[in-house]
C-alpha cells in the first residue's frame, strides 16, 4: 500500500487507479474517505485539519482523530484517510485562521 501513497505524493492527483487501491485496501472506510474528499468535507486551518462528519466536525492531527471510532479502537479511521488523500491532492478548503477561533460556546 505504501507504493500507492508514494505515487500519490508524486502525481498529486486523485486518479481512478488510486481510488480503486484505496477502496480495495480500506473497504468501507476508504469509500467514506473518498466521498468526504469529493464532497469538500475536508478543511485545513492553521492548526489542524478538520473533517465534517455526519454529526460533528472531527479534528485530525497526524495519526490522531477526535472521533469515537478512533478513540475506541485506537487505529486509523476514515477521517484520517480523508485527510491523507486531501493533503496529497490539495482537495480541501483552506482557512487562514485558527480552528480554535471558530468554536462557539
PDB file of N, CA and C in Angstrom:
ATOM      1  N   UNK A   1       0.819  -1.199   0.000  1.00  0.00           N
ATOM      2  CA  UNK A   1       0.000   0.000   0.000  1.00  0.00           C
ATOM      3  C   UNK A   1       0.861   1.261   0.000  1.00  0.00           C
ATOM      4  N   UNK A   2       2.040   1.203   0.593  1.00  0.00           N
ATOM      5  CA  UNK A   2       2.876   2.409   0.658  1.00  0.00           C
ATOM      6  C   UNK A   2       3.253   2.895  -0.729  1.00  0.00           C
ATOM      7  N   UNK A   3       3.345   1.992  -1.707  1.00  0.00           N
ATOM      8  CA  UNK A   3       3.686   2.380  -3.075  1.00  0.00           C
ATOM      9  C   UNK A   3       2.655   3.318  -3.691  1.00  0.00           C
ATOM     10  N   UNK A   4       1.386   3.060  -3.430  1.00  0.00           N
ATOM     11  CA  UNK A   4       0.350   3.922  -3.998  1.00  0.00           C
ATOM     12  C   UNK A   4       0.363   5.293  -3.333  1.00  0.00           C
ATOM     13  N   UNK A   5       0.676   5.363  -2.029  1.00  0.00           N
ATOM     14  CA  UNK A   5       0.784   6.660  -1.356  1.00  0.00           C
ATOM     15  C   UNK A   5       1.961   7.445  -1.917  1.00  0.00           C
ATOM     16  N   UNK A   6       3.065   6.752  -2.192  1.00  0.00           N
ATOM     17  CA  UNK A   6       4.226   7.424  -2.783  1.00  0.00           C
ATOM     18  C   UNK A   6       3.896   7.935  -4.177  1.00  0.00           C
ATOM     19  N   UNK A   7       3.178   7.125  -4.953  1.00  0.00           N
ATOM     20  CA  UNK A   7       2.768   7.558  -6.298  1.00  0.00           C
ATOM     21  C   UNK A   7       1.829   8.764  -6.194  1.00  0.00           C
ATOM     22  N   UNK A   8       0.966   8.734  -5.211  1.00  0.00           N
ATOM     23  CA  UNK A   8       0.048   9.849  -4.988  1.00  0.00           C
ATOM     24  C   UNK A   8       0.823  11.120  -4.616  1.00  0.00           C
ATOM     25  N   UNK A   9       1.850  10.974  -3.785  1.00  0.00           N
ATOM     26  CA  UNK A   9       2.702  12.119  -3.437  1.00  0.00           C
ATOM     27  C   UNK A   9       3.330  12.722  -4.687  1.00  0.00           C
ATOM     28  N   UNK A  10       3.742  11.877  -5.581  1.00  0.00           N
ATOM     29  CA  UNK A  10       4.417  12.327  -6.807  1.00  0.00           C
ATOM     30  C   UNK A  10       3.433  12.946  -7.802  1.00  0.00           C
ATOM     31  N   UNK A  11       2.308  12.280  -8.026  1.00  0.00           N
ATOM     32  CA  UNK A  11       1.349  12.725  -9.047  1.00  0.00           C
ATOM     33  C   UNK A  11       0.443  13.858  -8.560  1.00  0.00           C
ATOM     34  N   UNK A  12       0.131  13.877  -7.281  1.00  0.00           N
ATOM     35  CA  UNK A  12      -0.744  14.873  -6.660  1.00  0.00           C
ATOM     36  C   UNK A  12      -2.113  14.964  -7.341  1.00  0.00           C
ATOM     37  N   UNK A  13      -2.616  13.797  -7.743  1.00  0.00           N
ATOM     38  CA  UNK A  13      -3.946  13.735  -8.375  1.00  0.00           C
ATOM     39  C   UNK A  13      -4.708  12.548  -7.817  1.00  0.00           C
ATOM     40  N   UNK A  14      -6.000  12.654  -7.820  1.00  0.00           N
ATOM     41  CA  UNK A  14      -6.866  11.575  -7.381  1.00  0.00           C
ATOM     42  C   UNK A  14      -7.323  10.807  -8.613  1.00  0.00           C
ATOM     43  N   UNK A  15      -6.515   9.839  -9.009  1.00  0.00           N
ATOM     44  CA  UNK A  15      -6.771   9.079 -10.233  1.00  0.00           C
ATOM     45  C   UNK A  15      -7.716   7.910  -9.955  1.00  0.00           C
ATOM     46  N   UNK A  16      -8.333   7.374 -11.004  1.00  0.00           N
ATOM     47  CA  UNK A  16      -9.165   6.170 -10.829  1.00  0.00           C
ATOM     48  C   UNK A  16      -8.360   5.006 -10.227  1.00  0.00           C
ATOM     49  N   UNK A  17      -7.087   4.894 -10.591  1.00  0.00           N
ATOM     50  CA  UNK A  17      -6.233   3.833 -10.033  1.00  0.00           C
ATOM     51  C   UNK A  17      -6.093   3.998  -8.521  1.00  0.00           C
ATOM     52  N   UNK A  18      -5.854   5.224  -8.091  1.00  0.00           N
ATOM     53  CA  UNK A  18      -5.697   5.490  -6.663  1.00  0.00           C
ATOM     54  C   UNK A  18      -7.004   5.214  -5.919  1.00  0.00           C
ATOM     55  N   UNK A  19      -8.128   5.656  -6.488  1.00  0.00           N
ATOM     56  CA  UNK A  19      -9.434   5.395  -5.870  1.00  0.00           C
ATOM     57  C   UNK A  19      -9.656   3.897  -5.680  1.00  0.00           C
ATOM     58  N   UNK A  20      -9.362   3.113  -6.720  1.00  0.00           N
ATOM     59  CA  UNK A  20      -9.555   1.668  -6.643  1.00  0.00           C
ATOM     60  C   UNK A  20      -8.660   1.044  -5.575  1.00  0.00           C
ATOM     61  N   UNK A  21      -7.426   1.496  -5.490  1.00  0.00           N
ATOM     62  CA  UNK A  21      -6.499   0.970  -4.478  1.00  0.00           C
ATOM     63  C   UNK A  21      -6.981   1.296  -3.069  1.00  0.00           C
ATOM     64  N   UNK A  22      -7.458   2.517  -2.868  1.00  0.00           N
ATOM     65  CA  UNK A  22      -7.973   2.911  -1.549  1.00  0.00           C
ATOM     66  C   UNK A  22      -9.179   2.058  -1.173  1.00  0.00           C
ATOM     67  N   UNK A  23     -10.095   1.892  -2.098  1.00  0.00           N
ATOM     68  CA  UNK A  23     -11.295   1.090  -1.815  1.00  0.00           C
ATOM     69  C   UNK A  23     -10.943  -0.365  -1.541  1.00  0.00           C
ATOM     70  N   UNK A  24      -9.998  -0.895  -2.293  1.00  0.00           N
ATOM     71  CA  UNK A  24      -9.598  -2.290  -2.096  1.00  0.00           C
ATOM     72  C   UNK A  24      -8.882  -2.472  -0.756  1.00  0.00           C
ATOM     73  N   UNK A  25      -8.001  -1.566  -0.412  1.00  0.00           N
ATOM     74  CA  UNK A  25      -7.210  -1.705   0.813  1.00  0.00           C
ATOM     75  C   UNK A  25      -8.008  -1.373   2.076  1.00  0.00           C
ATOM     76  N   UNK A  26      -8.907  -0.397   1.992  1.00  0.00           N
ATOM     77  CA  UNK A  26      -9.578   0.090   3.197  1.00  0.00           C
ATOM     78  C   UNK A  26     -11.076  -0.180   3.238  1.00  0.00           C
ATOM     79  N   UNK A  27     -11.634  -0.718   2.169  1.00  0.00           N
ATOM     80  CA  UNK A  27     -13.047  -1.069   2.165  1.00  0.00           C
ATOM     81  C   UNK A  27     -13.958   0.114   2.411  1.00  0.00           C
ATOM     82  N   UNK A  28     -14.904  -0.064   3.324  1.00  0.00           N
ATOM     83  CA  UNK A  28     -15.894   0.977   3.612  1.00  0.00           C
ATOM     84  C   UNK A  28     -15.247   2.267   4.126  1.00  0.00           C
ATOM     85  N   UNK A  29     -14.202   2.142   4.949  1.00  0.00           N
ATOM     86  CA  UNK A  29     -13.517   3.346   5.426  1.00  0.00           C
ATOM     87  C   UNK A  29     -12.928   4.125   4.254  1.00  0.00           C
ATOM     88  N   UNK A  30     -12.377   3.430   3.280  1.00  0.00           N
ATOM     89  CA  UNK A  30     -11.828   4.084   2.096  1.00  0.00           C
ATOM     90  C   UNK A  30     -12.893   4.776   1.274  1.00  0.00           C
ATOM     91  N   UNK A  31     -14.042   4.123   1.111  1.00  0.00           N
ATOM     92  CA  UNK A  31     -15.153   4.727   0.364  1.00  0.00           C
ATOM     93  C   UNK A  31     -15.667   5.991   1.058  1.00  0.00           C
ATOM     94  N   UNK A  32     -15.779   5.943   2.374  1.00  0.00           N
ATOM     95  CA  UNK A  32     -16.231   7.122   3.124  1.00  0.00           C
ATOM     96  C   UNK A  32     -15.217   8.262   2.997  1.00  0.00           C
ATOM     97  N   UNK A  33     -13.942   7.922   3.067  1.00  0.00           N
ATOM     98  CA  UNK A  33     -12.891   8.946   2.953  1.00  0.00           C
ATOM     99  C   UNK A  33     -12.932   9.608   1.580  1.00  0.00           C
ATOM    100  N   UNK A  34     -13.045   8.815   0.528  1.00  0.00           N
ATOM    101  CA  UNK A  34     -13.120   9.362  -0.825  1.00  0.00           C
ATOM    102  C   UNK A  34     -14.367  10.225  -1.001  1.00  0.00           C
ATOM    103  N   UNK A  35     -15.485   9.772  -0.446  1.00  0.00           N
ATOM    104  CA  UNK A  35     -16.727  10.546  -0.545  1.00  0.00           C
ATOM    105  C   UNK A  35     -16.583  11.890   0.169  1.00  0.00           C
ATOM    106  N   UNK A  36     -15.901  11.905   1.316  1.00  0.00           N
ATOM    107  CA  UNK A  36     -15.695  13.153   2.054  1.00  0.00           C
ATOM    108  C   UNK A  36     -14.834  14.123   1.258  1.00  0.00           C
ATOM    109  N   UNK A  37     -13.790  13.616   0.625  1.00  0.00           N
ATOM    110  CA  UNK A  37     -12.932  14.469  -0.203  1.00  0.00           C
ATOM    111  C   UNK A  37     -13.736  15.008  -1.380  1.00  0.00           C
ATOM    112  N   UNK A  38     -14.479  14.139  -2.041  1.00  0.00           N
ATOM    113  CA  UNK A  38     -15.295  14.553  -3.184  1.00  0.00           C
ATOM    114  C   UNK A  38     -16.330  15.611  -2.803  1.00  0.00           C
ATOM    115  N   UNK A  39     -16.878  15.508  -1.594  1.00  0.00           N
ATOM    116  CA  UNK A  39     -17.932  16.425  -1.142  1.00  0.00           C
ATOM    117  C   UNK A  39     -17.380  17.711  -0.530  1.00  0.00           C
ATOM    118  N   UNK A  40     -16.068  17.849  -0.471  1.00  0.00           N
ATOM    119  CA  UNK A  40     -15.475  19.058   0.097  1.00  0.00           C
ATOM    120  C   UNK A  40     -15.590  19.144   1.605  1.00  0.00           C
ATOM    121  N   UNK A  41     -15.580  17.993   2.285  1.00  0.00           N
ATOM    122  CA  UNK A  41     -15.751  17.957   3.728  1.00  0.00           C
ATOM    123  C   UNK A  41     -14.432  18.039   4.499  1.00  0.00           C
ATOM    124  N   UNK A  42     -13.315  18.203   3.802  1.00  0.00           N
ATOM    125  CA  UNK A  42     -12.018  18.307   4.467  1.00  0.00           C
ATOM    126  C   UNK A  42     -11.605  19.778   4.476  1.00  0.00           C
ATOM    127  N   UNK A  43     -11.274  20.273   5.673  1.00  0.00           N
ATOM    128  CA  UNK A  43     -10.911  21.671   5.839  1.00  0.00           C
ATOM    129  C   UNK A  43      -9.525  21.755   6.484  1.00  0.00           C
ATOM    130  N   UNK A  44      -8.749  22.711   6.031  1.00  0.00           N
ATOM    131  CA  UNK A  44      -7.439  22.923   6.630  1.00  0.00           C
ATOM    132  C   UNK A  44      -7.412  24.303   7.286  1.00  0.00           C
ATOM    133  N   UNK A  45      -7.145  24.288   8.572  1.00  0.00           N
ATOM    134  CA  UNK A  45      -6.973  25.519   9.342  1.00  0.00           C
ATOM    135  C   UNK A  45      -5.485  25.680   9.639  1.00  0.00           C
ATOM    136  N   UNK A  46      -5.122  26.775  10.266  1.00  0.00           N
ATOM    137  CA  UNK A  46      -3.709  26.985  10.614  1.00  0.00           C
ATOM    138  C   UNK A  46      -3.180  25.904  11.552  1.00  0.00           C
ATOM    139  N   UNK A  47      -4.044  25.410  12.440  1.00  0.00           N
ATOM    140  CA  UNK A  47      -3.580  24.484  13.465  1.00  0.00           C
ATOM    141  C   UNK A  47      -3.942  23.027  13.210  1.00  0.00           C
ATOM    142  N   UNK A  48      -5.020  22.742  12.497  1.00  0.00           N
ATOM    143  CA  UNK A  48      -5.473  21.367  12.312  1.00  0.00           C
ATOM    144  C   UNK A  48      -6.161  21.189  10.967  1.00  0.00           C
ATOM    145  N   UNK A  49      -6.291  19.924  10.599  1.00  0.00           N
ATOM    146  CA  UNK A  49      -7.254  19.552   9.567  1.00  0.00           C
ATOM    147  C   UNK A  49      -8.529  19.182  10.298  1.00  0.00           C
ATOM    148  N   UNK A  50      -9.662  19.426   9.664  1.00  0.00           N
ATOM    149  CA  UNK A  50     -10.966  19.083  10.215  1.00  0.00           C
ATOM    150  C   UNK A  50     -11.754  18.390   9.120  1.00  0.00           C
ATOM    151  N   UNK A  51     -12.437  17.306   9.496  1.00  0.00           N
ATOM    152  CA  UNK A  51     -13.321  16.616   8.561  1.00  0.00           C
ATOM    153  C   UNK A  51     -14.738  16.707   9.111  1.00  0.00           C
ATOM    154  N   UNK A  52     -15.643  17.130   8.264  1.00  0.00           N
ATOM    155  CA  UNK A  52     -17.045  17.234   8.644  1.00  0.00           C
ATOM    156  C   UNK A  52     -17.671  15.850   8.508  1.00  0.00           C
ATOM    157  N   UNK A  53     -18.127  15.334   9.632  1.00  0.00           N
ATOM    158  CA  UNK A  53     -18.786  14.032   9.648  1.00  0.00           C
ATOM    159  C   UNK A  53     -20.295  14.193   9.633  1.00  0.00           C
ATOM    160  N   UNK A  54     -21.012  13.103   9.863  1.00  0.00           N
ATOM    161  CA  UNK A  54     -22.470  13.154   9.866  1.00  0.00           C
ATOM    162  C   UNK A  54     -23.019  13.986  11.012  1.00  0.00           C
ATOM    163  N   UNK A  55     -22.388  13.873  12.185  1.00  0.00           N
ATOM    164  CA  UNK A  55     -22.957  14.542  13.346  1.00  0.00           C
ATOM    165  C   UNK A  55     -22.046  15.588  13.990  1.00  0.00           C
ATOM    166  N   UNK A  56     -20.804  15.689  13.526  1.00  0.00           N
ATOM    167  CA  UNK A  56     -19.870  16.643  14.139  1.00  0.00           C
ATOM    168  C   UNK A  56     -18.682  16.882  13.210  1.00  0.00           C
ATOM    169  N   UNK A  57     -17.854  17.835  13.608  1.00  0.00           N
ATOM    170  CA  UNK A  57     -16.576  18.051  12.936  1.00  0.00           C
ATOM    171  C   UNK A  57     -15.501  17.380  13.777  1.00  0.00           C
ATOM    172  N   UNK A  58     -14.573  16.689  13.119  1.00  0.00           N
ATOM    173  CA  UNK A  58     -13.530  15.953  13.817  1.00  0.00           C
ATOM    174  C   UNK A  58     -12.173  16.541  13.491  1.00  0.00           C
ATOM    175  N   UNK A  59     -11.386  16.772  14.535  1.00  0.00           N
ATOM    176  CA  UNK A  59     -10.050  17.332  14.393  1.00  0.00           C
ATOM    177  C   UNK A  59      -9.072  16.200  14.145  1.00  0.00           C
ATOM    178  N   UNK A  60      -8.235  16.374  13.128  1.00  0.00           N
ATOM    179  CA  UNK A  60      -7.226  15.382  12.786  1.00  0.00           C
ATOM    180  C   UNK A  60      -5.867  16.054  12.854  1.00  0.00           C
ATOM    181  N   UNK A  61      -4.978  15.436  13.599  1.00  0.00           N
ATOM    182  CA  UNK A  61      -3.603  15.911  13.684  1.00  0.00           C
ATOM    183  C   UNK A  61      -2.699  14.696  13.548  1.00  0.00           C
ATOM    184  N   UNK A  62      -2.020  14.607  12.421  1.00  0.00           N
ATOM    185  CA  UNK A  62      -1.170  13.445  12.175  1.00  0.00           C
ATOM    186  C   UNK A  62      -2.001  12.178  12.112  1.00  0.00           C
ATOM    187  N   UNK A  63      -1.663  11.219  12.948  1.00  0.00           N
ATOM    188  CA  UNK A  63      -2.397   9.954  13.004  1.00  0.00           C
ATOM    189  C   UNK A  63      -3.366   9.899  14.171  1.00  0.00           C
ATOM    190  N   UNK A  64      -3.906  11.051  14.562  1.00  0.00           N
ATOM    191  CA  UNK A  64      -4.864  11.132  15.663  1.00  0.00           C
ATOM    192  C   UNK A  64      -6.138  11.808  15.178  1.00  0.00           C
ATOM    193  N   UNK A  65      -7.279  11.293  15.628  1.00  0.00           N
ATOM    194  CA  UNK A  65      -8.578  11.875  15.298  1.00  0.00           C
ATOM    195  C   UNK A  65      -9.428  11.919  16.562  1.00  0.00           C
ATOM    196  N   UNK A  66     -10.284  12.917  16.647  1.00  0.00           N
ATOM    197  CA  UNK A  66     -11.144  13.067  17.823  1.00  0.00           C
ATOM    198  C   UNK A  66     -12.445  12.267  17.737  1.00  0.00           C
ATOM    199  N   UNK A  67     -12.657  11.503  16.661  1.00  0.00           N
ATOM    200  CA  UNK A  67     -13.904  10.729  16.544  1.00  0.00           C
ATOM    201  C   UNK A  67     -13.903   9.546  17.522  1.00  0.00           C
ATOM    202  N   UNK A  68     -15.096   9.101  17.886  1.00  0.00           N
ATOM    203  CA  UNK A  68     -15.214   7.998  18.844  1.00  0.00           C
ATOM    204  C   UNK A  68     -14.664   6.694  18.275  1.00  0.00           C
ATOM    205  N   UNK A  69     -14.758   6.490  16.969  1.00  0.00           N
ATOM    206  CA  UNK A  69     -14.215   5.280  16.357  1.00  0.00           C
ATOM    207  C   UNK A  69     -12.710   5.194  16.611  1.00  0.00           C
ATOM    208  N   UNK A  70     -12.004   6.288  16.355  1.00  0.00           N
ATOM    209  CA  UNK A  70     -10.560   6.291  16.597  1.00  0.00           C
ATOM    210  C   UNK A  70     -10.258   6.157  18.085  1.00  0.00           C
ATOM    211  N   UNK A  71     -10.970   6.903  18.914  1.00  0.00           N
ATOM    212  CA  UNK A  71     -10.704   6.875  20.352  1.00  0.00           C
ATOM    213  C   UNK A  71     -10.984   5.499  20.948  1.00  0.00           C
ATOM    214  N   UNK A  72     -11.983   4.805  20.441  1.00  0.00           N
ATOM    215  CA  UNK A  72     -12.329   3.475  20.955  1.00  0.00           C
ATOM    216  C   UNK A  72     -11.367   2.412  20.438  1.00  0.00           C
ATOM    217  N   UNK A  73     -11.115   2.406  19.115  1.00  0.00           N
ATOM    218  CA  UNK A  73     -10.281   1.361  18.507  1.00  0.00           C
ATOM    219  C   UNK A  73      -8.798   1.712  18.495  1.00  0.00           C
ATOM    220  N   UNK A  74      -8.490   3.008  18.533  1.00  0.00           N
ATOM    221  CA  UNK A  74      -7.091   3.418  18.535  1.00  0.00           C
ATOM    222  C   UNK A  74      -6.360   3.165  17.239  1.00  0.00           C
ATOM    223  N   UNK A  75      -7.097   3.148  16.142  1.00  0.00           N
ATOM    224  CA  UNK A  75      -6.460   2.956  14.840  1.00  0.00           C
ATOM    225  C   UNK A  75      -7.126   3.829  13.797  1.00  0.00           C
ATOM    226  N   UNK A  76      -6.554   3.815  12.637  1.00  0.00           N
ATOM    227  CA  UNK A  76      -6.950   4.693  11.533  1.00  0.00           C
ATOM    228  C   UNK A  76      -8.448   4.657  11.215  1.00  0.00           C
ATOM    229  N   UNK A  77      -9.076   5.821  11.244  1.00  0.00           N
ATOM    230  CA  UNK A  77     -10.486   5.963  10.884  1.00  0.00           C
ATOM    231  C   UNK A  77     -10.590   6.584   9.487  1.00  0.00           C
ATOM    232  N   UNK A  78     -11.805   6.702   8.974  1.00  0.00           N
ATOM    233  CA  UNK A  78     -11.970   7.255   7.630  1.00  0.00           C
ATOM    234  C   UNK A  78     -11.646   8.740   7.581  1.00  0.00           C
ATOM    235  N   UNK A  79     -11.741   9.435   8.706  1.00  0.00           N
ATOM    236  CA  UNK A  79     -11.397  10.859   8.738  1.00  0.00           C
ATOM    237  C   UNK A  79      -9.894  11.055   8.478  1.00  0.00           C
ATOM    238  N   UNK A  80      -9.071  10.219   9.092  1.00  0.00           N
ATOM    239  CA  UNK A  80      -7.623  10.279   8.871  1.00  0.00           C
ATOM    240  C   UNK A  80      -7.300   9.972   7.415  1.00  0.00           C
ATOM    241  N   UNK A  81      -7.947   8.959   6.857  1.00  0.00           N
ATOM    242  CA  UNK A  81      -7.739   8.629   5.438  1.00  0.00           C
ATOM    243  C   UNK A  81      -8.127   9.800   4.542  1.00  0.00           C
ATOM    244  N   UNK A  82      -9.241  10.452   4.857  1.00  0.00           N
ATOM    245  CA  UNK A  82      -9.686  11.586   4.043  1.00  0.00           C
ATOM    246  C   UNK A  82      -8.639  12.703   4.054  1.00  0.00           C
ATOM    247  N   UNK A  83      -8.053  12.956   5.211  1.00  0.00           N
ATOM    248  CA  UNK A  83      -7.023  13.995   5.296  1.00  0.00           C
ATOM    249  C   UNK A  83      -5.784  13.591   4.502  1.00  0.00           C
ATOM    250  N   UNK A  84      -5.379  12.330   4.595  1.00  0.00           N
ATOM    251  CA  UNK A  84      -4.217  11.874   3.825  1.00  0.00           C
ATOM    252  C   UNK A  84      -4.427  12.076   2.325  1.00  0.00           C
ATOM    253  N   UNK A  85      -5.621  11.753   1.864  1.00  0.00           N
ATOM    254  CA  UNK A  85      -5.934  11.931   0.446  1.00  0.00           C
ATOM    255  C   UNK A  85      -5.950  13.414   0.086  1.00  0.00           C
ATOM    256  N   UNK A  86      -6.627  14.199   0.898  1.00  0.00           N
ATOM    257  CA  UNK A  86      -6.758  15.639   0.627  1.00  0.00           C
ATOM    258  C   UNK A  86      -5.406  16.341   0.636  1.00  0.00           C
ATOM    259  N   UNK A  87      -4.541  15.976   1.576  1.00  0.00           N
ATOM    260  CA  UNK A  87      -3.206  16.591   1.638  1.00  0.00           C
ATOM    261  C   UNK A  87      -2.427  16.341   0.352  1.00  0.00           C
ATOM    262  N   UNK A  88      -2.525  15.141  -0.164  1.00  0.00           N
ATOM    263  CA  UNK A  88      -1.744  14.761  -1.342  1.00  0.00           C
ATOM    264  C   UNK A  88      -2.296  15.348  -2.638  1.00  0.00           C
ATOM    265  N   UNK A  89      -3.566  15.696  -2.636  1.00  0.00           N
ATOM    266  CA  UNK A  89      -4.192  16.186  -3.859  1.00  0.00           C
ATOM    267  C   UNK A  89      -4.504  17.681  -3.813  1.00  0.00           C
ATOM    268  N   UNK A  90      -4.465  18.258  -2.633  1.00  0.00           N
ATOM    269  CA  UNK A  90      -4.845  19.660  -2.483  1.00  0.00           C
ATOM    270  C   UNK A  90      -6.352  19.859  -2.504  1.00  0.00           C
ATOM    271  N   UNK A  91      -7.104  18.765  -2.372  1.00  0.00           N
ATOM    272  CA  UNK A  91      -8.563  18.836  -2.420  1.00  0.00           C
ATOM    273  C   UNK A  91      -9.147  19.061  -1.024  1.00  0.00           C
ATOM    274  N   UNK A  92      -8.962  20.264  -0.522  1.00  0.00           N
ATOM    275  CA  UNK A  92      -9.516  20.652   0.766  1.00  0.00           C
ATOM    276  C   UNK A  92      -9.765  22.151   0.751  1.00  0.00           C
ATOM    277  N   UNK A  93     -10.648  22.587   1.647  1.00  0.00           N
ATOM    278  CA  UNK A  93     -10.885  24.016   1.820  1.00  0.00           C
ATOM    279  C   UNK A  93      -9.848  24.535   2.800  1.00  0.00           C
ATOM    280  N   UNK A  94      -9.265  25.665   2.489  1.00  0.00           N
ATOM    281  CA  UNK A  94      -8.230  26.224   3.349  1.00  0.00           C
ATOM    282  C   UNK A  94      -8.746  27.498   4.011  1.00  0.00           C
ATOM    283  N   UNK A  95      -8.520  27.590   5.330  1.00  0.00           N
ATOM    284  CA  UNK A  95      -8.949  28.742   6.105  1.00  0.00           C
ATOM    285  C   UNK A  95      -7.733  29.350   6.794  1.00  0.00           C
ATOM    286  N   UNK A  96      -7.532  30.627   6.608  1.00  0.00           N
ATOM    287  CA  UNK A  96      -6.393  31.309   7.207  1.00  0.00           C
ATOM    288  C   UNK A  96      -6.767  31.810   8.603  1.00  0.00           C
ATOM    289  N   UNK A  97      -7.135  30.877   9.467  1.00  0.00           N
ATOM    290  CA  UNK A  97      -7.445  31.185  10.847  1.00  0.00           C
ATOM    291  C   UNK A  97      -7.256  29.932  11.686  1.00  0.00           C
ATOM    292  N   UNK A  98      -7.197  30.121  12.977  1.00  0.00           N
ATOM    293  CA  UNK A  98      -7.034  29.000  13.896  1.00  0.00           C
ATOM    294  C   UNK A  98      -8.381  28.330  14.104  1.00  0.00           C
ATOM    295  N   UNK A  99      -8.408  27.013  14.099  1.00  0.00           N
ATOM    296  CA  UNK A  99      -9.670  26.291  14.297  1.00  0.00           C
ATOM    297  C   UNK A  99     -10.284  26.654  15.642  1.00  0.00           C
ATOM    298  N   UNK A 100      -9.460  26.790  16.668  1.00  0.00           N
ATOM    299  CA  UNK A 100      -9.999  27.113  17.987  1.00  0.00           C
ATOM    300  C   UNK A 100     -10.771  28.427  17.988  1.00  0.00           C
ATOM    301  N   UNK A 101     -10.445  29.329  17.059  1.00  0.00           N
ATOM    302  CA  UNK A 101     -11.160  30.604  16.979  1.00  0.00           C
ATOM    303  C   UNK A 101     -12.553  30.455  16.374  1.00  0.00           C
ATOM    304  N   UNK A 102     -12.860  29.290  15.807  1.00  0.00           N
ATOM    305  CA  UNK A 102     -14.177  29.068  15.219  1.00  0.00           C
ATOM    306  C   UNK A 102     -15.148  28.475  16.228  1.00  0.00           C
ATOM    307  N   UNK A 103     -14.658  28.043  17.375  1.00  0.00           N
ATOM    308  CA  UNK A 103     -15.521  27.436  18.394  1.00  0.00           C
ATOM    309  C   UNK A 103     -16.476  28.457  18.972  1.00  0.00           C
ATOM    310  N   UNK A 104     -17.702  28.044  19.156  1.00  0.00           N
ATOM    311  CA  UNK A 104     -18.710  28.899  19.771  1.00  0.00           C
ATOM    312  C   UNK A 104     -19.189  28.226  21.044  1.00  0.00           C
ATOM    313  N   UNK A 105     -19.140  28.930  22.176  1.00  0.00           N
ATOM    314  CA  UNK A 105     -19.590  28.320  23.452  1.00  0.00           C
ATOM    315  C   UNK A 105     -21.064  28.035  23.491  1.00  0.00           C
TER     316      UNK A 105
END
